[in-house]
Protein backbone atom coordinates (compact mmCIF):
# COMPACT_ATOMS: atom_id res chain seq x y z
CA UNK A 1 96.25 -93.66 125.92
CA UNK A 2 93.84 -90.70 126.48
CA UNK A 3 91.48 -89.39 124.03
CA UNK A 4 93.28 -85.44 124.69
CA UNK A 5 96.78 -86.22 123.15
CA UNK A 6 98.33 -83.00 121.75
CA UNK A 7 99.33 -83.45 117.78
CA UNK A 8 102.54 -82.69 119.03
CA UNK A 9 102.58 -85.96 121.25
CA UNK A 10 101.33 -87.69 118.05
CA UNK A 11 104.12 -86.87 115.92
CA UNK A 12 106.39 -88.22 117.71
CA UNK A 13 105.20 -91.28 117.91
CA UNK A 14 104.63 -91.53 114.33
CA UNK A 15 108.43 -89.91 113.86
CA UNK A 16 109.34 -93.11 116.35
CA UNK A 17 107.73 -95.31 114.05
CA UNK A 18 108.89 -93.73 110.93
CA UNK A 19 111.99 -96.31 110.20
CA UNK A 20 109.34 -99.12 110.85
CA UNK A 21 107.10 -98.27 108.83
CA UNK A 22 109.37 -97.75 106.06
CA UNK A 23 111.19 -100.89 106.69
CA UNK A 24 107.71 -102.74 106.55
CA UNK A 25 106.72 -100.45 103.28
CA UNK A 26 109.70 -101.82 101.77
CA UNK A 27 109.59 -105.77 102.72
CA UNK A 28 105.76 -105.55 101.33
CA UNK A 29 106.98 -103.84 97.70
CA UNK A 30 109.81 -106.50 97.73
CA UNK A 31 107.14 -109.38 97.35
CA UNK A 32 105.22 -109.38 94.09
CA UNK A 33 101.36 -109.51 94.74
CA UNK A 34 99.73 -108.09 91.06
CA UNK A 35 96.43 -108.95 91.41
CA UNK A 36 94.98 -111.70 89.71
CA UNK A 37 98.67 -112.56 88.68
CA UNK A 38 100.84 -113.63 92.09
CA UNK A 39 100.58 -115.98 94.46
CA UNK A 40 99.62 -114.42 97.48
CA UNK A 41 100.52 -116.44 100.32
CA UNK A 42 104.11 -114.47 100.40
CA UNK A 43 102.69 -110.89 100.97
CA UNK A 44 100.02 -112.64 103.54
CA UNK A 45 102.58 -114.22 105.46
CA UNK A 46 104.94 -111.60 105.55
CA UNK A 47 101.50 -108.78 107.13
CA UNK A 48 100.37 -111.61 109.52
CA UNK A 49 103.78 -112.28 110.78
CA UNK A 50 104.65 -108.42 111.45
CA UNK A 51 101.08 -108.22 113.16
CA UNK A 52 101.83 -111.63 115.83
CA UNK A 53 105.08 -110.03 116.31
CA UNK A 54 103.49 -106.84 117.49
CA UNK A 55 100.83 -108.05 119.77
CA UNK A 56 97.98 -108.04 117.17
CA UNK A 57 95.92 -111.08 116.53
CA UNK A 58 94.34 -111.70 112.91
CA UNK A 59 92.03 -113.88 110.99
CA UNK A 60 91.94 -114.78 107.24
CA UNK A 61 88.55 -114.22 105.28
CA UNK A 62 87.94 -116.83 102.58
CA UNK A 63 86.13 -116.19 99.34
CA UNK A 64 85.34 -118.41 96.88
CA UNK A 65 87.50 -122.05 96.67
CA UNK A 66 88.45 -121.25 100.02
CA UNK A 67 90.88 -118.46 99.02
CA UNK A 68 92.29 -115.99 101.12
CA UNK A 69 90.75 -113.04 99.96
CA UNK A 70 91.09 -110.27 102.95
CA UNK A 71 93.30 -110.43 106.39
CA UNK A 72 91.44 -108.51 109.76
CA UNK A 73 92.76 -107.63 112.88
CA UNK A 74 90.45 -105.58 115.60
CA UNK A 75 91.47 -104.02 118.60
CA UNK A 76 88.22 -103.38 120.99
CA UNK A 77 88.39 -100.76 123.65
CA UNK A 78 86.87 -101.77 126.97
CA UNK A 79 83.79 -100.13 126.94
CA UNK A 80 81.01 -100.61 123.33
CA UNK A 81 81.23 -97.63 120.92
CA UNK A 82 81.60 -96.87 117.15
CA UNK A 83 83.38 -99.23 115.13
CA UNK A 84 85.69 -97.67 112.51
CA UNK A 85 87.73 -99.70 110.01
CA UNK A 86 91.36 -98.75 108.14
CA UNK A 87 91.40 -100.77 104.60
CA UNK A 88 94.28 -100.89 102.71
CA UNK A 89 95.02 -103.27 99.79
CA UNK A 90 98.05 -105.96 99.37
CA UNK A 91 97.07 -106.82 95.90
CA UNK A 92 98.46 -104.25 93.50
CA UNK A 93 98.37 -103.51 89.59
CA UNK A 94 100.49 -105.09 86.78
CA UNK A 95 103.95 -103.97 86.38
CA UNK A 96 103.37 -102.61 82.65
CA UNK A 97 106.95 -102.65 80.90
CA UNK A 98 109.64 -103.72 83.29
CA UNK A 99 112.24 -102.07 80.98
CA UNK A 100 111.28 -98.51 81.50
CA UNK A 101 111.26 -98.48 85.17
CA UNK A 102 114.43 -96.86 86.59
CA UNK A 103 114.70 -99.41 89.10
CA UNK A 104 112.69 -102.68 89.16
CA UNK A 105 109.34 -102.76 90.32
CA UNK A 106 109.98 -105.19 93.37
CA UNK A 107 113.09 -103.43 94.35
CA UNK A 108 111.51 -101.13 97.37
CA UNK A 109 114.93 -98.98 95.97
CA UNK A 110 115.46 -95.41 98.05
CA UNK A 111 116.56 -92.24 96.01
CA UNK A 112 116.90 -89.14 97.56
CA UNK A 113 113.90 -89.84 99.93
CA UNK A 114 111.73 -91.48 97.61
CA UNK A 115 111.00 -95.50 97.52
CA UNK A 116 110.52 -97.40 94.14
CA UNK A 117 108.31 -99.84 93.80
CA UNK A 118 104.56 -101.28 92.18
CA UNK A 119 102.36 -101.03 95.31
CA UNK A 120 104.48 -98.51 97.46
CA UNK A 121 101.80 -95.66 96.93
CA UNK A 122 98.80 -97.97 96.17
CA UNK A 123 98.74 -99.39 98.68
CA UNK A 124 101.26 -100.70 100.72
CA UNK A 125 102.43 -97.64 102.42
CA UNK A 126 99.35 -97.05 103.66
CA UNK A 127 99.27 -101.03 104.38
CA UNK A 128 102.27 -100.79 106.56
CA UNK A 129 101.11 -97.34 108.69
CA UNK A 130 97.68 -98.20 109.49
CA UNK A 131 99.17 -101.42 110.93
CA UNK A 132 102.20 -99.58 113.02
CA UNK A 133 98.65 -97.00 114.25
CA UNK A 134 96.97 -100.11 115.43
CA UNK A 135 99.64 -101.03 117.58
CA UNK A 136 99.23 -97.44 118.95
CA UNK A 137 95.80 -97.81 119.79
CA UNK A 138 95.97 -100.66 121.16
CA UNK A 139 94.76 -99.49 124.52
CA UNK A 140 91.89 -97.41 123.59
CA UNK A 141 89.28 -97.14 125.87
CA UNK A 142 86.10 -96.93 123.90
CA UNK A 143 84.64 -98.35 120.45
CA UNK A 144 86.50 -100.67 118.30
CA UNK A 145 89.22 -100.16 115.20
CA UNK A 146 89.16 -102.74 112.47
CA UNK A 147 92.51 -103.29 110.26
CA UNK A 148 91.26 -105.09 107.01
CA UNK A 149 93.63 -105.70 104.63
CA UNK A 150 91.84 -106.63 101.07
CA UNK A 151 93.66 -108.74 98.64
CA UNK A 152 90.68 -109.00 95.85
CA UNK A 153 91.22 -104.71 95.17
CA UNK A 154 92.97 -104.44 91.73
CA UNK A 155 91.05 -107.30 90.70
CA UNK A 156 87.88 -105.30 90.87
CA UNK A 157 86.53 -107.61 92.70
CA UNK A 158 86.74 -106.20 96.15
CA UNK A 159 86.38 -109.68 97.31
CA UNK A 160 87.87 -109.25 100.60
CA UNK A 161 85.16 -106.10 101.58
CA UNK A 162 82.94 -108.20 100.44
CA UNK A 163 83.24 -111.02 102.43
CA UNK A 164 83.70 -108.29 105.96
CA UNK A 165 81.00 -106.17 105.51
CA UNK A 166 78.91 -108.66 103.66
CA UNK A 167 79.71 -112.24 104.43
CA UNK A 168 77.97 -114.43 107.32
CA UNK A 169 80.19 -112.78 110.30
CA UNK A 170 80.02 -109.07 109.13
CA UNK A 171 79.73 -106.84 112.00
CA UNK A 172 76.46 -105.12 113.41
CA UNK A 173 78.04 -102.33 113.02
CA UNK A 174 80.26 -100.11 110.86
CA UNK A 175 80.70 -96.42 111.68
CA UNK A 176 82.85 -95.86 108.57
CA UNK A 177 85.98 -96.51 106.81
CA UNK A 178 89.29 -94.90 106.12
CA UNK A 179 90.95 -96.59 102.94
CA UNK A 180 94.16 -96.11 102.79
CA UNK A 181 94.83 -94.65 98.92
CA UNK A 182 97.72 -92.06 98.85
CA UNK A 183 97.37 -88.51 98.37
CA UNK A 184 98.46 -85.64 100.45
CA UNK A 185 96.75 -82.47 99.02
CA UNK A 186 92.86 -84.07 99.28
CA UNK A 187 90.65 -86.23 101.39
CA UNK A 188 88.31 -88.03 99.09
CA UNK A 189 84.88 -87.61 100.38
CA UNK A 190 83.05 -89.11 97.30
CA UNK A 191 82.88 -89.91 93.85
CA UNK A 192 81.02 -90.30 90.96
CA UNK A 193 79.15 -93.90 90.70
CA UNK A 194 79.46 -96.27 87.96
CA UNK A 195 77.63 -98.52 85.78
CA UNK A 196 78.97 -101.22 83.77
CA UNK A 197 77.42 -103.22 80.66
CA UNK A 198 78.49 -105.74 78.07
CA UNK A 199 76.19 -104.76 75.01
CA UNK A 200 75.37 -107.57 72.58
CA UNK A 201 74.55 -106.30 68.85
CA UNK A 202 73.11 -109.13 66.33
CA UNK A 203 73.16 -108.97 62.71
CA UNK A 204 73.14 -111.53 60.29
CA UNK A 205 75.90 -114.33 59.19
CA UNK A 206 76.94 -114.46 55.69
CA UNK A 207 79.85 -114.71 53.06
CA UNK A 208 81.33 -111.48 52.61
CA UNK A 209 81.89 -112.26 48.82
CA UNK A 210 78.21 -113.50 48.64
CA UNK A 211 75.53 -111.29 45.83
CA UNK A 212 73.67 -110.75 48.96
CA UNK A 213 74.65 -108.61 51.71
CA UNK A 214 73.27 -109.51 55.04
CA UNK A 215 73.21 -106.90 57.93
CA UNK A 216 76.99 -106.83 59.61
CA UNK A 217 76.54 -106.59 63.83
CA UNK A 218 79.90 -104.51 63.18
CA UNK A 219 78.56 -102.39 61.30
CA UNK A 220 75.22 -101.84 63.51
CA UNK A 221 77.28 -101.61 66.18
CA UNK A 222 79.50 -98.89 65.05
CA UNK A 223 76.05 -97.10 64.32
CA UNK A 224 74.78 -98.00 68.15
CA UNK A 225 78.54 -96.60 69.44
CA UNK A 226 78.29 -93.10 67.75
CA UNK A 227 74.29 -92.99 68.65
CA UNK A 228 75.70 -93.48 72.45
CA UNK A 229 78.51 -90.76 72.36
CA UNK A 230 76.49 -88.43 70.77
CA UNK A 231 73.86 -88.40 73.79
CA UNK A 232 73.88 -85.13 75.89
CA UNK A 233 74.36 -86.26 79.30
CA UNK A 234 73.27 -84.07 82.78
CA UNK A 235 75.65 -81.42 83.32
CA UNK A 236 77.15 -80.72 86.80
CA UNK A 237 75.09 -77.48 87.08
CA UNK A 238 72.03 -79.75 86.61
CA UNK A 239 73.32 -82.79 88.83
CA UNK A 240 73.87 -80.49 91.73
CA UNK A 241 77.51 -82.58 91.91
CA UNK A 242 80.99 -81.21 91.08
CA UNK A 243 81.45 -83.48 87.98
CA UNK A 244 79.12 -84.16 85.35
CA UNK A 245 78.35 -88.11 84.12
CA UNK A 246 80.35 -89.51 81.27
CA UNK A 247 79.84 -92.27 78.60
CA UNK A 248 82.50 -94.44 77.25
CA UNK A 249 82.81 -97.64 75.34
CA UNK A 250 86.06 -99.26 76.60
CA UNK A 251 86.56 -102.33 74.52
CA UNK A 252 85.00 -104.13 71.40
CA UNK A 253 84.85 -107.75 70.82
CA UNK A 254 83.41 -109.49 67.01
CA UNK A 255 84.12 -111.66 64.36
CA UNK A 256 86.81 -113.90 62.86
CA UNK A 257 89.21 -114.07 59.63
CA UNK A 258 87.72 -112.53 56.33
CA UNK A 259 85.13 -114.32 54.73
CA UNK A 260 81.82 -114.13 57.04
CA UNK A 261 79.69 -111.20 57.90
CA UNK A 262 79.60 -111.15 61.84
CA UNK A 263 76.35 -112.07 63.50
CA UNK A 264 77.44 -111.03 66.77
CA UNK A 265 79.65 -107.85 68.37
CA UNK A 266 80.05 -107.12 72.08
CA UNK A 267 81.36 -103.82 73.12
CA UNK A 268 81.70 -102.57 77.06
CA UNK A 269 80.29 -99.45 78.29
CA UNK A 270 81.49 -97.66 81.38
CA UNK A 271 78.83 -95.18 82.28
CA UNK A 272 79.66 -92.77 85.55
CA UNK A 273 77.15 -91.69 87.63
CA UNK A 274 75.75 -88.47 89.22
CA UNK A 275 72.73 -87.60 91.76
CA UNK A 276 70.84 -86.62 88.54
CA UNK A 277 71.88 -89.27 86.13
CA UNK A 278 71.83 -92.76 88.11
CA UNK A 279 71.87 -96.05 87.52
CA UNK A 280 68.28 -96.59 86.42
CA UNK A 281 68.26 -93.48 83.77
CA UNK A 282 71.68 -95.10 82.62
CA UNK A 283 70.41 -98.52 81.82
CA UNK A 284 66.87 -96.83 80.42
CA UNK A 285 69.41 -94.43 78.39
CA UNK A 286 71.73 -97.62 76.58
CA UNK A 287 67.93 -99.49 76.00
CA UNK A 288 66.36 -96.61 74.43
CA UNK A 289 69.40 -95.81 72.16
CA UNK A 290 70.04 -99.64 71.59
CA UNK A 291 66.04 -100.03 70.44
CA UNK A 292 65.99 -96.90 68.35
CA UNK A 293 69.59 -98.82 66.15
CA UNK A 294 67.09 -101.64 66.15
CA UNK A 295 64.70 -100.10 64.45
CA UNK A 296 66.88 -99.17 61.58
CA UNK A 297 68.39 -102.24 61.40
CA UNK A 298 64.65 -104.70 60.49
CA UNK A 299 65.81 -108.55 60.19
CA UNK A 300 68.34 -108.41 63.36
CA UNK A 301 67.90 -109.49 66.49
CA UNK A 302 66.99 -106.85 69.16
CA UNK A 303 70.31 -105.42 71.19
CA UNK A 304 70.61 -107.10 74.64
CA UNK A 305 72.22 -105.10 77.32
CA UNK A 306 74.02 -107.11 79.95
CA UNK A 307 74.40 -104.87 83.70
CA UNK A 308 77.67 -106.08 85.56
CA UNK A 309 78.31 -103.30 87.83
CA UNK A 310 75.88 -100.64 90.07
CA UNK A 311 77.60 -98.54 92.03
CA UNK A 312 75.81 -95.30 93.17
CA UNK A 313 77.68 -91.86 92.97
CA UNK A 314 78.53 -90.48 96.78
CA UNK A 315 79.61 -87.84 98.69
CA UNK A 316 80.04 -87.69 102.39
CA UNK A 317 78.03 -84.38 104.11
CA UNK A 318 80.06 -81.16 105.20
CA UNK A 319 79.24 -82.42 108.79
CA UNK A 320 80.04 -85.66 108.64
CA UNK A 321 82.36 -86.96 111.60
CA UNK A 322 84.39 -88.91 109.59
CA UNK A 323 85.14 -85.84 106.71
CA UNK A 324 85.52 -83.35 109.60
CA UNK A 325 87.87 -85.60 111.72
CA UNK A 326 90.03 -86.45 109.17
CA UNK A 327 90.52 -82.66 107.30
CA UNK A 328 90.49 -81.45 110.96
CA UNK A 329 93.51 -83.89 111.72
CA UNK A 330 95.48 -83.15 108.75
CA UNK A 331 94.88 -79.11 109.11
CA UNK A 332 96.70 -80.01 112.55
CA UNK A 333 99.02 -81.69 110.67
CA UNK A 334 100.06 -78.38 108.98
CA UNK A 335 98.80 -79.74 105.30
CA UNK A 336 96.64 -77.66 102.81
CA UNK A 337 94.34 -80.33 102.53
CA UNK A 338 91.03 -79.99 101.07
CA UNK A 339 88.01 -82.27 100.41
CA UNK A 340 87.45 -83.72 97.15
CA UNK A 341 84.83 -85.48 94.89
CA UNK A 342 86.74 -87.81 92.46
CA UNK A 343 85.94 -88.86 88.74
CA UNK A 344 86.65 -92.43 89.13
CA UNK A 345 84.47 -94.75 91.62
CA UNK A 346 86.37 -96.64 94.00
CA UNK A 347 85.69 -98.99 96.99
CA UNK A 348 84.03 -95.69 99.00
CA UNK A 349 81.01 -96.21 96.11
CA UNK A 350 80.31 -99.85 97.40
CA UNK A 351 80.17 -99.14 100.71
CA UNK A 352 78.03 -96.09 99.90
CA UNK A 353 75.85 -98.67 98.32
CA UNK A 354 75.43 -100.50 101.90
CA UNK A 355 75.05 -96.88 103.95
CA UNK A 356 78.68 -97.60 105.21
CA UNK A 357 80.28 -93.38 105.06
CA UNK A 358 84.11 -93.93 103.72
CA UNK A 359 86.77 -91.36 103.06
CA UNK A 360 88.95 -92.97 99.49
CA UNK A 361 92.13 -91.40 99.71
CA UNK A 362 94.18 -89.35 102.09
CA UNK A 363 98.21 -90.59 102.13
CA UNK A 364 101.15 -90.08 101.62
CA UNK A 365 103.05 -88.07 98.64
CA UNK A 366 103.34 -90.13 95.44
CA UNK A 367 104.14 -89.97 91.81
CA UNK A 368 102.88 -92.63 88.90
CA UNK A 369 100.07 -94.84 90.76
CA UNK A 370 100.01 -97.66 88.33
CA UNK A 371 102.72 -96.53 85.98
CA UNK A 372 106.20 -96.59 85.46
CA UNK A 373 108.21 -95.65 88.34
CA UNK A 374 105.42 -95.51 90.99
CA UNK A 375 106.99 -93.89 94.02
CA UNK A 376 106.35 -92.45 97.64
CA UNK A 377 107.85 -89.48 99.10
CA UNK A 378 109.04 -90.94 102.68
CA UNK A 379 109.37 -87.43 104.50
CA UNK A 380 105.45 -87.46 103.99
CA UNK A 381 104.81 -90.51 106.17
CA UNK A 382 104.88 -89.55 110.14
CA UNK A 383 102.47 -86.44 109.50
CA UNK A 384 99.77 -88.91 107.65
CA UNK A 385 100.27 -91.08 110.36
CA UNK A 386 99.81 -88.71 112.87
CA UNK A 387 96.79 -87.21 110.99
CA UNK A 388 95.19 -90.55 111.11
CA UNK A 389 95.93 -91.34 114.78
CA UNK A 390 94.46 -87.61 115.40
CA UNK A 391 91.12 -88.49 113.48
CA UNK A 392 90.68 -91.96 115.38
CA UNK A 393 90.80 -90.47 119.11
CA UNK A 394 88.27 -87.90 117.73
CA UNK A 395 86.33 -90.07 116.42
CA UNK A 396 86.57 -92.59 119.45
CA UNK A 397 85.86 -90.01 121.98
CA UNK A 398 83.03 -90.74 124.07
CA UNK A 399 80.01 -88.45 123.45
């Protein structure tokens, strides 16, 4: 394979692969692999067998407890060069109410050109497209392409990615990662960061019917939640980022029964970060507001802020090779695809913390991501495959 193929040639190759991509996607969808719920061996075995049948050796990566958290395959050119990673997850979101589905979530049913099933969009079709691309890239002459299948993505643990990029056998260089999330309208080139915390608010236990009232941890926590949601965060204009920061209380837990005044209330806070409102600013905000509320509740222990997650915001530069190659290839495919900074955080934020550029979404047309009747439009598969193929050939071209 040379680096000067016309896009029409790449599209012909993708058209030849279309039936096989559809079949592999359907096989994967029919194997339940809900994150943290299902046993992953069946979906691993299917993917591993397909790679072996097509001449792509692979290895499993293990995490805590020797559980398999990822599957990795690598194609190396004859001469050293950049290394790019194609990343897709094989685990999925849960099914939700199965009675609400038009077709069962593991049916892989195809109706009017749409394939139904949990994980069809996120991101088993991405996994199938990337697998076929790896076969087409076996004859590259320069650089390396890695196929990474994460089995710990929908749990939020990203165990596969963490072992590959930071584990004992981590590669010495990664020049970029392209993540196979769906969506034909945008190449996601950035996202707000995230800081997540558990806030432990203390009161004083007592009997709810007693003659003396004691400070109620729930009431104190409610005051703190109100204060946090009243804080004015930096606007998008102030941040120089297309989206502003955001603070959301997402869970709360306290008390038991009816007769005890609770002495502990814990709530979760999800804060979306921007360059003007980073993790340090967010953590300081939590502690400062909590301290103010503590001062108005004498006789109670200070509130504790337990930080669980810190991911920075990121945005690829306009001249980033990864960004320009994928957007250029999408244009070659005749797609009106634009760059987008996403509101939700994604694994690209984790990679940004490691200094690795990433795109986190460009793929097939879809409906119902993580929802009822998740499905993909199959006719969009070849152009997506050809676009990724073109982008990789551009990125791997010797200087």
